[in-house]
Structure formats: C-alpha cells, structure tokens
C-alpha cells in the first residue's frame, strides 16, 4: 500500500509459497522490484 501510494506500479498479484509472500513492482523509473515477506522459517522451508 505504501509503495503504490508513492507511485510504484504492481505488476502481478501477491503470491504465496511455503517460504513466504511476494509481489512484483515497478518504480516510476522503469526498474523492477519485489516486496517479499518471509513466513515460517523463510527459505529454510524449502532448503
């Protein structure tokens, strides 16, 4: 919500996996970013 209000553009929906949640964004300058929230043990869930 904060990134979108600042001018980012979501480039997909929030996806959930065993390790966490992720959503791709673009900043106003064309650069790609992802917001990532780890759940449980993060990447250890799939290591």
ModelCIF file with pLDDT and N, C-alpha, C, O atoms, coordinates in Angstrom:
data_MODEL
#
_entry.id   MODEL 
#
_entity.id                         1 
_entity.type                       polymer 
_entity.pdbx_number_of_molecules   1 
#
_entity_poly.entity_id                      1 
_entity_poly.type                           'polypeptide(L)' 
_entity_poly.nstd_linkage                   no 
_entity_poly.nstd_monomer                   no 
_entity_poly.pdbx_seq_one_letter_code       
;(UNK)(UNK)(UNK)(UNK)(UNK)(UNK)(UNK)(UNK)(UNK)(UNK)(UNK)(UNK)(UNK)(UNK)(UNK)(UNK)
(UNK)(UNK)(UNK)(UNK)(UNK)(UNK)(UNK)(UNK)(UNK)(UNK)(UNK)(UNK)(UNK)(UNK)(UNK)(UNK)
(UNK)(UNK)(UNK)(UNK)(UNK)(UNK)(UNK)(UNK)(UNK)(UNK)(UNK)(UNK)(UNK)(UNK)(UNK)
;
_entity_poly.pdbx_seq_one_letter_code_can   XXXXXXXXXXXXXXXXXXXXXXXXXXXXXXXXXXXXXXXXXXXXXXX 
_entity_poly.pdbx_strand_id                 A 
#
loop_
_entity_poly_seq.entity_id 
_entity_poly_seq.num 
_entity_poly_seq.mon_id 
_entity_poly_seq.hetero 
1 1  UNK n 
1 2  UNK n 
1 3  UNK n 
1 4  UNK n 
1 5  UNK n 
1 6  UNK n 
1 7  UNK n 
1 8  UNK n 
1 9  UNK n 
1 10 UNK n 
1 11 UNK n 
1 12 UNK n 
1 13 UNK n 
1 14 UNK n 
1 15 UNK n 
1 16 UNK n 
1 17 UNK n 
1 18 UNK n 
1 19 UNK n 
1 20 UNK n 
1 21 UNK n 
1 22 UNK n 
1 23 UNK n 
1 24 UNK n 
1 25 UNK n 
1 26 UNK n 
1 27 UNK n 
1 28 UNK n 
1 29 UNK n 
1 30 UNK n 
1 31 UNK n 
1 32 UNK n 
1 33 UNK n 
1 34 UNK n 
1 35 UNK n 
1 36 UNK n 
1 37 UNK n 
1 38 UNK n 
1 39 UNK n 
1 40 UNK n 
1 41 UNK n 
1 42 UNK n 
1 43 UNK n 
1 44 UNK n 
1 45 UNK n 
1 46 UNK n 
1 47 UNK n 
#
_struct_asym.id          A 
_struct_asym.entity_id   1 
#
loop_
_ma_qa_metric.id 
_ma_qa_metric.mode 
_ma_qa_metric.name 
_ma_qa_metric.software_group_id 
_ma_qa_metric.type 
1 global pLDDT . pLDDT 
2 local  pLDDT . pLDDT 
#
_ma_qa_metric_global.metric_id      1 
_ma_qa_metric_global.metric_value   96.66 
_ma_qa_metric_global.model_id       1 
_ma_qa_metric_global.ordinal_id     1 
#
loop_
_ma_qa_metric_local.label_asym_id 
_ma_qa_metric_local.label_comp_id 
_ma_qa_metric_local.label_seq_id 
_ma_qa_metric_local.metric_id 
_ma_qa_metric_local.metric_value 
_ma_qa_metric_local.model_id 
_ma_qa_metric_local.ordinal_id 
A UNK 1  2 98.00 1 1  
A UNK 2  2 98.00 1 2  
A UNK 3  2 98.00 1 3  
A UNK 4  2 98.00 1 4  
A UNK 5  2 98.00 1 5  
A UNK 6  2 98.00 1 6  
A UNK 7  2 98.00 1 7  
A UNK 8  2 98.00 1 8  
A UNK 9  2 96.00 1 9  
A UNK 10 2 95.00 1 10 
A UNK 11 2 96.00 1 11 
A UNK 12 2 95.00 1 12 
A UNK 13 2 97.00 1 13 
A UNK 14 2 98.00 1 14 
A UNK 15 2 98.00 1 15 
A UNK 16 2 97.00 1 16 
A UNK 17 2 97.00 1 17 
A UNK 18 2 97.00 1 18 
A UNK 19 2 97.00 1 19 
A UNK 20 2 98.00 1 20 
A UNK 21 2 98.00 1 21 
A UNK 22 2 98.00 1 22 
A UNK 23 2 98.00 1 23 
A UNK 24 2 96.00 1 24 
A UNK 25 2 96.00 1 25 
A UNK 26 2 96.00 1 26 
A UNK 27 2 96.00 1 27 
A UNK 28 2 96.00 1 28 
A UNK 29 2 95.00 1 29 
A UNK 30 2 94.00 1 30 
A UNK 31 2 94.00 1 31 
A UNK 32 2 95.00 1 32 
A UNK 33 2 95.00 1 33 
A UNK 34 2 96.00 1 34 
A UNK 35 2 97.00 1 35 
A UNK 36 2 97.00 1 36 
A UNK 37 2 98.00 1 37 
A UNK 38 2 98.00 1 38 
A UNK 39 2 97.00 1 39 
A UNK 40 2 96.00 1 40 
A UNK 41 2 96.00 1 41 
A UNK 42 2 96.00 1 42 
A UNK 43 2 96.00 1 43 
A UNK 44 2 97.00 1 44 
A UNK 45 2 95.00 1 45 
A UNK 46 2 96.00 1 46 
A UNK 47 2 96.00 1 47 
#
loop_
_atom_site.group_PDB 
_atom_site.id 
_atom_site.type_symbol 
_atom_site.label_atom_id 
_atom_site.label_alt_id 
_atom_site.label_comp_id 
_atom_site.label_asym_id 
_atom_site.label_entity_id 
_atom_site.label_seq_id 
_atom_site.pdbx_PDB_ins_code 
_atom_site.Cartn_x 
_atom_site.Cartn_y 
_atom_site.Cartn_z 
_atom_site.occupancy 
_atom_site.B_iso_or_equiv 
_atom_site.pdbx_formal_charge 
_atom_site.auth_seq_id 
_atom_site.auth_comp_id 
_atom_site.auth_asym_id 
_atom_site.auth_atom_id 
_atom_site.pdbx_PDB_model_num 
ATOM 1   N N  . UNK A 1 1  ? 0.838  -1.206  0.000   1.00 98.00 ? 1  UNK A N  1 
ATOM 2   C CA . UNK A 1 1  ? 0.000  0.000   0.000   1.00 98.00 ? 1  UNK A CA 1 
ATOM 3   C C  . UNK A 1 1  ? 0.869  1.252   0.000   1.00 98.00 ? 1  UNK A C  1 
ATOM 4   O O  . UNK A 1 1  ? 0.584  2.209   -0.719  1.00 98.00 ? 1  UNK A O  1 
ATOM 5   N N  . UNK A 1 2  ? 1.931  1.246   0.807   1.00 98.00 ? 2  UNK A N  1 
ATOM 6   C CA . UNK A 1 2  ? 2.830  2.407   0.874   1.00 98.00 ? 2  UNK A CA 1 
ATOM 7   C C  . UNK A 1 2  ? 3.554  2.627   -0.450  1.00 98.00 ? 2  UNK A C  1 
ATOM 8   O O  . UNK A 1 2  ? 3.666  3.763   -0.909  1.00 98.00 ? 2  UNK A O  1 
ATOM 9   N N  . UNK A 1 3  ? 4.046  1.553   -1.070  1.00 98.00 ? 3  UNK A N  1 
ATOM 10  C CA . UNK A 1 3  ? 4.759  1.670   -2.345  1.00 98.00 ? 3  UNK A CA 1 
ATOM 11  C C  . UNK A 1 3  ? 3.826  2.172   -3.446  1.00 98.00 ? 3  UNK A C  1 
ATOM 12  O O  . UNK A 1 3  ? 4.211  3.032   -4.238  1.00 98.00 ? 3  UNK A O  1 
ATOM 13  N N  . UNK A 1 4  ? 2.615  1.648   -3.502  1.00 98.00 ? 4  UNK A N  1 
ATOM 14  C CA . UNK A 1 4  ? 1.655  2.089   -4.514  1.00 98.00 ? 4  UNK A CA 1 
ATOM 15  C C  . UNK A 1 4  ? 1.296  3.556   -4.328  1.00 98.00 ? 4  UNK A C  1 
ATOM 16  O O  . UNK A 1 4  ? 1.199  4.297   -5.306  1.00 98.00 ? 4  UNK A O  1 
ATOM 17  N N  . UNK A 1 5  ? 1.099  3.981   -3.087  1.00 98.00 ? 5  UNK A N  1 
ATOM 18  C CA . UNK A 1 5  ? 0.778  5.378   -2.811  1.00 98.00 ? 5  UNK A CA 1 
ATOM 19  C C  . UNK A 1 5  ? 1.922  6.304   -3.216  1.00 98.00 ? 5  UNK A C  1 
ATOM 20  O O  . UNK A 1 5  ? 1.692  7.458   -3.576  1.00 98.00 ? 5  UNK A O  1 
ATOM 21  N N  . UNK A 1 6  ? 3.159  5.797   -3.156  1.00 98.00 ? 6  UNK A N  1 
ATOM 22  C CA . UNK A 1 6  ? 4.336  6.598   -3.518  1.00 98.00 ? 6  UNK A CA 1 
ATOM 23  C C  . UNK A 1 6  ? 4.558  6.645   -5.026  1.00 98.00 ? 6  UNK A C  1 
ATOM 24  O O  . UNK A 1 6  ? 5.364  7.444   -5.501  1.00 98.00 ? 6  UNK A O  1 
ATOM 25  N N  . UNK A 1 7  ? 3.855  5.800   -5.793  1.00 98.00 ? 7  UNK A N  1 
ATOM 26  C CA . UNK A 1 7  ? 3.997  5.839   -7.246  1.00 98.00 ? 7  UNK A CA 1 
ATOM 27  C C  . UNK A 1 7  ? 4.470  4.559   -7.887  1.00 98.00 ? 7  UNK A C  1 
ATOM 28  O O  . UNK A 1 7  ? 4.664  4.523   -9.102  1.00 98.00 ? 7  UNK A O  1 
ATOM 29  N N  . UNK A 1 8  ? 4.666  3.492   -7.105  1.00 98.00 ? 8  UNK A N  1 
ATOM 30  C CA . UNK A 1 8  ? 5.029  2.203   -7.692  1.00 98.00 ? 8  UNK A CA 1 
ATOM 31  C C  . UNK A 1 8  ? 3.822  1.634   -8.430  1.00 98.00 ? 8  UNK A C  1 
ATOM 32  O O  . UNK A 1 8  ? 2.683  2.042   -8.199  1.00 98.00 ? 8  UNK A O  1 
ATOM 33  N N  . UNK A 1 9  ? 4.093  0.695   -9.313  1.00 96.00 ? 9  UNK A N  1 
ATOM 34  C CA . UNK A 1 9  ? 3.027  0.017   -10.048 1.00 96.00 ? 9  UNK A CA 1 
ATOM 35  C C  . UNK A 1 9  ? 3.158  -1.484  -9.794  1.00 96.00 ? 9  UNK A C  1 
ATOM 36  O O  . UNK A 1 9  ? 4.208  -2.071  -10.055 1.00 96.00 ? 9  UNK A O  1 
ATOM 37  N N  . UNK A 1 10 ? 2.095  -2.103  -9.285  1.00 95.00 ? 10 UNK A N  1 
ATOM 38  C CA . UNK A 1 10 ? 2.104  -3.553  -9.082  1.00 95.00 ? 10 UNK A CA 1 
ATOM 39  C C  . UNK A 1 10 ? 2.104  -4.225  -10.452 1.00 95.00 ? 10 UNK A C  1 
ATOM 40  O O  . UNK A 1 10 ? 1.412  -3.787  -11.371 1.00 95.00 ? 10 UNK A O  1 
ATOM 41  N N  . UNK A 1 11 ? 2.888  -5.289  -10.575 1.00 96.00 ? 11 UNK A N  1 
ATOM 42  C CA . UNK A 1 11 ? 2.977  -5.994  -11.855 1.00 96.00 ? 11 UNK A CA 1 
ATOM 43  C C  . UNK A 1 11 ? 2.510  -7.431  -11.735 1.00 96.00 ? 11 UNK A C  1 
ATOM 44  O O  . UNK A 1 11 ? 2.949  -8.298  -12.491 1.00 96.00 ? 11 UNK A O  1 
ATOM 45  N N  . UNK A 1 12 ? 1.652  -7.676  -10.818 1.00 95.00 ? 12 UNK A N  1 
ATOM 46  C CA . UNK A 1 12 ? 1.100  -9.002  -10.590 1.00 95.00 ? 12 UNK A CA 1 
ATOM 47  C C  . UNK A 1 12 ? 0.407  -9.006  -9.253  1.00 95.00 ? 12 UNK A C  1 
ATOM 48  O O  . UNK A 1 12 ? 0.370  -7.997  -8.549  1.00 95.00 ? 12 UNK A O  1 
ATOM 49  N N  . UNK A 1 13 ? -0.135 -10.137 -8.918  1.00 97.00 ? 13 UNK A N  1 
ATOM 50  C CA . UNK A 1 13 ? -0.830 -10.281 -7.647  1.00 97.00 ? 13 UNK A CA 1 
ATOM 51  C C  . UNK A 1 13 ? 0.145  -10.780 -6.590  1.00 97.00 ? 13 UNK A C  1 
ATOM 52  O O  . UNK A 1 13 ? 1.227  -11.274 -6.906  1.00 97.00 ? 13 UNK A O  1 
ATOM 53  N N  . UNK A 1 14 ? -0.248 -10.646 -5.353  1.00 98.00 ? 14 UNK A N  1 
ATOM 54  C CA . UNK A 1 14 ? 0.537  -11.221 -4.259  1.00 98.00 ? 14 UNK A CA 1 
ATOM 55  C C  . UNK A 1 14 ? 0.440  -12.739 -4.383  1.00 98.00 ? 14 UNK A C  1 
ATOM 56  O O  . UNK A 1 14 ? -0.650 -13.307 -4.453  1.00 98.00 ? 14 UNK A O  1 
ATOM 57  N N  . UNK A 1 15 ? 1.598  -13.374 -4.409  1.00 98.00 ? 15 UNK A N  1 
ATOM 58  C CA . UNK A 1 15 ? 1.660  -14.837 -4.471  1.00 98.00 ? 15 UNK A CA 1 
ATOM 59  C C  . UNK A 1 15 ? 2.190  -15.362 -3.142  1.00 98.00 ? 15 UNK A C  1 
ATOM 60  O O  . UNK A 1 15 ? 3.010  -14.718 -2.488  1.00 98.00 ? 15 UNK A O  1 
ATOM 61  N N  . UNK A 1 16 ? 1.713  -16.532 -2.757  1.00 97.00 ? 16 UNK A N  1 
ATOM 62  C CA . UNK A 1 16 ? 2.162  -17.139 -1.511  1.00 97.00 ? 16 UNK A CA 1 
ATOM 63  C C  . UNK A 1 16 ? 2.804  -18.486 -1.812  1.00 97.00 ? 16 UNK A C  1 
ATOM 64  O O  . UNK A 1 16 ? 2.333  -19.244 -2.659  1.00 97.00 ? 16 UNK A O  1 
ATOM 65  N N  . UNK A 1 17 ? 3.898  -18.769 -1.094  1.00 97.00 ? 17 UNK A N  1 
ATOM 66  C CA . UNK A 1 17 ? 4.617  -20.038 -1.217  1.00 97.00 ? 17 UNK A CA 1 
ATOM 67  C C  . UNK A 1 17 ? 4.938  -20.530 0.191   1.00 97.00 ? 17 UNK A C  1 
ATOM 68  O O  . UNK A 1 17 ? 4.629  -19.860 1.176   1.00 97.00 ? 17 UNK A O  1 
ATOM 69  N N  . UNK A 1 18 ? 5.552  -21.688 0.276   1.00 97.00 ? 18 UNK A N  1 
ATOM 70  C CA . UNK A 1 18 ? 5.901  -22.246 1.587   1.00 97.00 ? 18 UNK A CA 1 
ATOM 71  C C  . UNK A 1 18 ? 6.825  -21.317 2.371   1.00 97.00 ? 18 UNK A C  1 
ATOM 72  O O  . UNK A 1 18 ? 6.768  -21.276 3.600   1.00 97.00 ? 18 UNK A O  1 
ATOM 73  N N  . UNK A 1 19 ? 7.669  -20.580 1.671   1.00 97.00 ? 19 UNK A N  1 
ATOM 74  C CA . UNK A 1 19 ? 8.658  -19.712 2.318   1.00 97.00 ? 19 UNK A CA 1 
ATOM 75  C C  . UNK A 1 19 ? 8.126  -18.318 2.630   1.00 97.00 ? 19 UNK A C  1 
ATOM 76  O O  . UNK A 1 19 ? 8.681  -17.632 3.488   1.00 97.00 ? 19 UNK A O  1 
ATOM 77  N N  . UNK A 1 20 ? 7.031  -17.867 1.934   1.00 98.00 ? 20 UNK A N  1 
ATOM 78  C CA . UNK A 1 20 ? 6.529  -16.526 2.205   1.00 98.00 ? 20 UNK A CA 1 
ATOM 79  C C  . UNK A 1 20 ? 5.618  -15.999 1.118   1.00 98.00 ? 20 UNK A C  1 
ATOM 80  O O  . UNK A 1 20 ? 5.051  -16.757 0.332   1.00 98.00 ? 20 UNK A O  1 
ATOM 81  N N  . UNK A 1 21 ? 5.489  -14.678 1.091   1.00 98.00 ? 21 UNK A N  1 
ATOM 82  C CA . UNK A 1 21 ? 4.625  -13.981 0.133   1.00 98.00 ? 21 UNK A CA 1 
ATOM 83  C C  . UNK A 1 21 ? 5.468  -12.990 -0.660  1.00 98.00 ? 21 UNK A C  1 
ATOM 84  O O  . UNK A 1 21 ? 6.443  -12.442 -0.144  1.00 98.00 ? 21 UNK A O  1 
ATOM 85  N N  . UNK A 1 22 ? 5.084  -12.760 -1.932  1.00 98.00 ? 22 UNK A N  1 
ATOM 86  C CA . UNK A 1 22 ? 5.873  -11.889 -2.802  1.00 98.00 ? 22 UNK A CA 1 
ATOM 87  C C  . UNK A 1 22 ? 4.947  -11.194 -3.800  1.00 98.00 ? 22 UNK A C  1 
ATOM 88  O O  . UNK A 1 22 ? 3.935  -11.756 -4.220  1.00 98.00 ? 22 UNK A O  1 
ATOM 89  N N  . UNK A 1 23 ? 5.310  -9.962  -4.173  1.00 98.00 ? 23 UNK A N  1 
ATOM 90  C CA . UNK A 1 23 ? 4.598  -9.243  -5.223  1.00 98.00 ? 23 UNK A CA 1 
ATOM 91  C C  . UNK A 1 23 ? 5.616  -8.440  -6.032  1.00 98.00 ? 23 UNK A C  1 
ATOM 92  O O  . UNK A 1 23 ? 6.454  -7.753  -5.448  1.00 98.00 ? 23 UNK A O  1 
ATOM 93  N N  . UNK A 1 24 ? 5.559  -8.514  -7.373  1.00 96.00 ? 24 UNK A N  1 
ATOM 94  C CA . UNK A 1 24 ? 6.467  -7.721  -8.204  1.00 96.00 ? 24 UNK A CA 1 
ATOM 95  C C  . UNK A 1 24 ? 5.924  -6.305  -8.410  1.00 96.00 ? 24 UNK A C  1 
ATOM 96  O O  . UNK A 1 24 ? 4.715  -6.096  -8.519  1.00 96.00 ? 24 UNK A O  1 
ATOM 97  N N  . UNK A 1 25 ? 6.850  -5.332  -8.461  1.00 96.00 ? 25 UNK A N  1 
ATOM 98  C CA . UNK A 1 25 ? 6.529  -3.921  -8.649  1.00 96.00 ? 25 UNK A CA 1 
ATOM 99  C C  . UNK A 1 25 ? 7.452  -3.317  -9.687  1.00 96.00 ? 25 UNK A C  1 
ATOM 100 O O  . UNK A 1 25 ? 8.485  -3.892  -10.031 1.00 96.00 ? 25 UNK A O  1 
ATOM 101 N N  . UNK A 1 26 ? 7.070  -2.152  -10.182 1.00 96.00 ? 26 UNK A N  1 
ATOM 102 C CA . UNK A 1 26 ? 7.978  -1.304  -10.960 1.00 96.00 ? 26 UNK A CA 1 
ATOM 103 C C  . UNK A 1 26 ? 7.981  0.062   -10.305 1.00 96.00 ? 26 UNK A C  1 
ATOM 104 O O  . UNK A 1 26 ? 6.933  0.569   -9.905  1.00 96.00 ? 26 UNK A O  1 
ATOM 105 N N  . UNK A 1 27 ? 9.163  0.660   -10.194 1.00 96.00 ? 27 UNK A N  1 
ATOM 106 C CA . UNK A 1 27 ? 9.244  2.024   -9.680  1.00 96.00 ? 27 UNK A CA 1 
ATOM 107 C C  . UNK A 1 27 ? 8.923  3.001   -10.818 1.00 96.00 ? 27 UNK A C  1 
ATOM 108 O O  . UNK A 1 27 ? 8.786  2.570   -11.963 1.00 96.00 ? 27 UNK A O  1 
ATOM 109 N N  . UNK A 1 28 ? 8.802  4.298   -10.535 1.00 96.00 ? 28 UNK A N  1 
ATOM 110 C CA . UNK A 1 28 ? 8.465  5.258   -11.595 1.00 96.00 ? 28 UNK A CA 1 
ATOM 111 C C  . UNK A 1 28 ? 9.550  5.417   -12.659 1.00 96.00 ? 28 UNK A C  1 
ATOM 112 O O  . UNK A 1 28 ? 9.343  6.129   -13.642 1.00 96.00 ? 28 UNK A O  1 
ATOM 113 N N  . UNK A 1 29 ? 10.696 4.773   -12.483 1.00 95.00 ? 29 UNK A N  1 
ATOM 114 C CA . UNK A 1 29 ? 11.824 4.917   -13.391 1.00 95.00 ? 29 UNK A CA 1 
ATOM 115 C C  . UNK A 1 29 ? 12.057 3.655   -14.214 1.00 95.00 ? 29 UNK A C  1 
ATOM 116 O O  . UNK A 1 29 ? 13.090 3.521   -14.871 1.00 95.00 ? 29 UNK A O  1 
ATOM 117 N N  . UNK A 1 30 ? 11.104 2.735   -14.180 1.00 94.00 ? 30 UNK A N  1 
ATOM 118 C CA . UNK A 1 30 ? 11.167 1.536   -15.001 1.00 94.00 ? 30 UNK A CA 1 
ATOM 119 C C  . UNK A 1 30 ? 11.891 0.361   -14.386 1.00 94.00 ? 30 UNK A C  1 
ATOM 120 O O  . UNK A 1 30 ? 12.003 -0.685  -15.024 1.00 94.00 ? 30 UNK A O  1 
ATOM 121 N N  . UNK A 1 31 ? 12.389 0.498   -13.160 1.00 94.00 ? 31 UNK A N  1 
ATOM 122 C CA . UNK A 1 31 ? 13.150 -0.570  -12.509 1.00 94.00 ? 31 UNK A CA 1 
ATOM 123 C C  . UNK A 1 31 ? 12.212 -1.551  -11.809 1.00 94.00 ? 31 UNK A C  1 
ATOM 124 O O  . UNK A 1 31 ? 11.228 -1.147  -11.191 1.00 94.00 ? 31 UNK A O  1 
ATOM 125 N N  . UNK A 1 32 ? 12.527 -2.842  -11.911 1.00 95.00 ? 32 UNK A N  1 
ATOM 126 C CA . UNK A 1 32 ? 11.738 -3.870  -11.261 1.00 95.00 ? 32 UNK A CA 1 
ATOM 127 C C  . UNK A 1 32 ? 12.192 -4.129  -9.837  1.00 95.00 ? 32 UNK A C  1 
ATOM 128 O O  . UNK A 1 32 ? 13.388 -4.137  -9.545  1.00 95.00 ? 32 UNK A O  1 
ATOM 129 N N  . UNK A 1 33 ? 11.238 -4.337  -8.964  1.00 95.00 ? 33 UNK A N  1 
ATOM 130 C CA . UNK A 1 33 ? 11.461 -4.646  -7.552  1.00 95.00 ? 33 UNK A CA 1 
ATOM 131 C C  . UNK A 1 33 ? 10.471 -5.723  -7.151  1.00 95.00 ? 33 UNK A C  1 
ATOM 132 O O  . UNK A 1 33 ? 9.454  -5.912  -7.818  1.00 95.00 ? 33 UNK A O  1 
ATOM 133 N N  . UNK A 1 34 ? 10.755 -6.423  -6.076  1.00 96.00 ? 34 UNK A N  1 
ATOM 134 C CA . UNK A 1 34 ? 9.756  -7.296  -5.454  1.00 96.00 ? 34 UNK A CA 1 
ATOM 135 C C  . UNK A 1 34 ? 9.697  -6.960  -3.974  1.00 96.00 ? 34 UNK A C  1 
ATOM 136 O O  . UNK A 1 34 ? 10.723 -6.704  -3.342  1.00 96.00 ? 34 UNK A O  1 
ATOM 137 N N  . UNK A 1 35 ? 8.501  -6.963  -3.434  1.00 97.00 ? 35 UNK A N  1 
ATOM 138 C CA . UNK A 1 35 ? 8.323  -6.920  -1.988  1.00 97.00 ? 35 UNK A CA 1 
ATOM 139 C C  . UNK A 1 35 ? 8.154  -8.359  -1.538  1.00 97.00 ? 35 UNK A C  1 
ATOM 140 O O  . UNK A 1 35 ? 7.398  -9.120  -2.143  1.00 97.00 ? 35 UNK A O  1 
ATOM 141 N N  . UNK A 1 36 ? 8.856  -8.732  -0.481  1.00 97.00 ? 36 UNK A N  1 
ATOM 142 C CA . UNK A 1 36 ? 8.896  -10.116 -0.043  1.00 97.00 ? 36 UNK A CA 1 
ATOM 143 C C  . UNK A 1 36 ? 8.703  -10.170 1.462   1.00 97.00 ? 36 UNK A C  1 
ATOM 144 O O  . UNK A 1 36 ? 9.388  -9.466  2.205   1.00 97.00 ? 36 UNK A O  1 
ATOM 145 N N  . UNK A 1 37 ? 7.773  -11.002 1.913   1.00 98.00 ? 37 UNK A N  1 
ATOM 146 C CA . UNK A 1 37 ? 7.544  -11.223 3.339   1.00 98.00 ? 37 UNK A CA 1 
ATOM 147 C C  . UNK A 1 37 ? 7.805  -12.696 3.626   1.00 98.00 ? 37 UNK A C  1 
ATOM 148 O O  . UNK A 1 37 ? 7.108  -13.565 3.101   1.00 98.00 ? 37 UNK A O  1 
ATOM 149 N N  . UNK A 1 38 ? 8.798  -12.980 4.452   1.00 98.00 ? 38 UNK A N  1 
ATOM 150 C CA . UNK A 1 38 ? 9.073  -14.361 4.816   1.00 98.00 ? 38 UNK A CA 1 
ATOM 151 C C  . UNK A 1 38 ? 8.020  -14.849 5.802   1.00 98.00 ? 38 UNK A C  1 
ATOM 152 O O  . UNK A 1 38 ? 7.554  -14.092 6.653   1.00 98.00 ? 38 UNK A O  1 
ATOM 153 N N  . UNK A 1 39 ? 7.652  -16.110 5.681   1.00 97.00 ? 39 UNK A N  1 
ATOM 154 C CA . UNK A 1 39 ? 6.747  -16.773 6.621   1.00 97.00 ? 39 UNK A CA 1 
ATOM 155 C C  . UNK A 1 39 ? 7.468  -17.981 7.200   1.00 97.00 ? 39 UNK A C  1 
ATOM 156 O O  . UNK A 1 39 ? 8.374  -18.530 6.571   1.00 97.00 ? 39 UNK A O  1 
ATOM 157 N N  . UNK A 1 40 ? 7.074  -18.389 8.378   1.00 96.00 ? 40 UNK A N  1 
ATOM 158 C CA . UNK A 1 40 ? 7.696  -19.559 8.997   1.00 96.00 ? 40 UNK A CA 1 
ATOM 159 C C  . UNK A 1 40 ? 9.195  -19.372 9.102   1.00 96.00 ? 40 UNK A C  1 
ATOM 160 O O  . UNK A 1 40 ? 9.660  -18.402 9.700   1.00 96.00 ? 40 UNK A O  1 
ATOM 161 N N  . UNK A 1 41 ? 9.954  -20.286 8.528   1.00 96.00 ? 41 UNK A N  1 
ATOM 162 C CA . UNK A 1 41 ? 11.418 -20.229 8.554   1.00 96.00 ? 41 UNK A CA 1 
ATOM 163 C C  . UNK A 1 41 ? 11.982 -19.645 7.271   1.00 96.00 ? 41 UNK A C  1 
ATOM 164 O O  . UNK A 1 41 ? 13.168 -19.816 6.988   1.00 96.00 ? 41 UNK A O  1 
ATOM 165 N N  . UNK A 1 42 ? 11.151 -18.954 6.482   1.00 96.00 ? 42 UNK A N  1 
ATOM 166 C CA . UNK A 1 42 ? 11.627 -18.333 5.250   1.00 96.00 ? 42 UNK A CA 1 
ATOM 167 C C  . UNK A 1 42 ? 12.123 -19.391 4.278   1.00 96.00 ? 42 UNK A C  1 
ATOM 168 O O  . UNK A 1 42 ? 11.501 -20.442 4.124   1.00 96.00 ? 42 UNK A O  1 
ATOM 169 N N  . UNK A 1 43 ? 13.240 -19.113 3.625   1.00 96.00 ? 43 UNK A N  1 
ATOM 170 C CA . UNK A 1 43 ? 13.781 -20.041 2.628   1.00 96.00 ? 43 UNK A CA 1 
ATOM 171 C C  . UNK A 1 43 ? 14.146 -21.402 3.227   1.00 96.00 ? 43 UNK A C  1 
ATOM 172 O O  . UNK A 1 43 ? 14.256 -22.381 2.489   1.00 96.00 ? 43 UNK A O  1 
ATOM 173 N N  . UNK A 1 44 ? 14.336 -21.485 4.540   1.00 97.00 ? 44 UNK A N  1 
ATOM 174 C CA . UNK A 1 44 ? 14.616 -22.782 5.166   1.00 97.00 ? 44 UNK A CA 1 
ATOM 175 C C  . UNK A 1 44 ? 13.465 -23.753 4.963   1.00 97.00 ? 44 UNK A C  1 
ATOM 176 O O  . UNK A 1 44 ? 13.663 -24.966 5.030   1.00 97.00 ? 44 UNK A O  1 
ATOM 177 N N  . UNK A 1 45 ? 12.250 -23.234 4.714   1.00 95.00 ? 45 UNK A N  1 
ATOM 178 C CA . UNK A 1 45 ? 11.101 -24.088 4.463   1.00 95.00 ? 45 UNK A CA 1 
ATOM 179 C C  . UNK A 1 45 ? 11.273 -24.942 3.207   1.00 95.00 ? 45 UNK A C  1 
ATOM 180 O O  . UNK A 1 45 ? 10.653 -25.999 3.087   1.00 95.00 ? 45 UNK A O  1 
ATOM 181 N N  . UNK A 1 46 ? 12.119 -24.484 2.264   1.00 96.00 ? 46 UNK A N  1 
ATOM 182 C CA . UNK A 1 46 ? 12.289 -25.220 1.004   1.00 96.00 ? 46 UNK A CA 1 
ATOM 183 C C  . UNK A 1 46 ? 13.724 -25.670 0.764   1.00 96.00 ? 46 UNK A C  1 
ATOM 184 O O  . UNK A 1 46 ? 14.013 -26.299 -0.254  1.00 96.00 ? 46 UNK A O  1 
ATOM 185 N N  . UNK A 1 47 ? 14.623 -25.355 1.689   1.00 96.00 ? 47 UNK A N  1 
ATOM 186 C CA . UNK A 1 47 ? 16.034 -25.711 1.507   1.00 96.00 ? 47 UNK A CA 1 
ATOM 187 C C  . UNK A 1 47 ? 16.199 -27.236 1.559   1.00 96.00 ? 47 UNK A C  1 
ATOM 188 O O  . UNK A 1 47 ? 17.314 -27.741 1.426   1.00 96.00 ? 47 UNK A O  1 
#
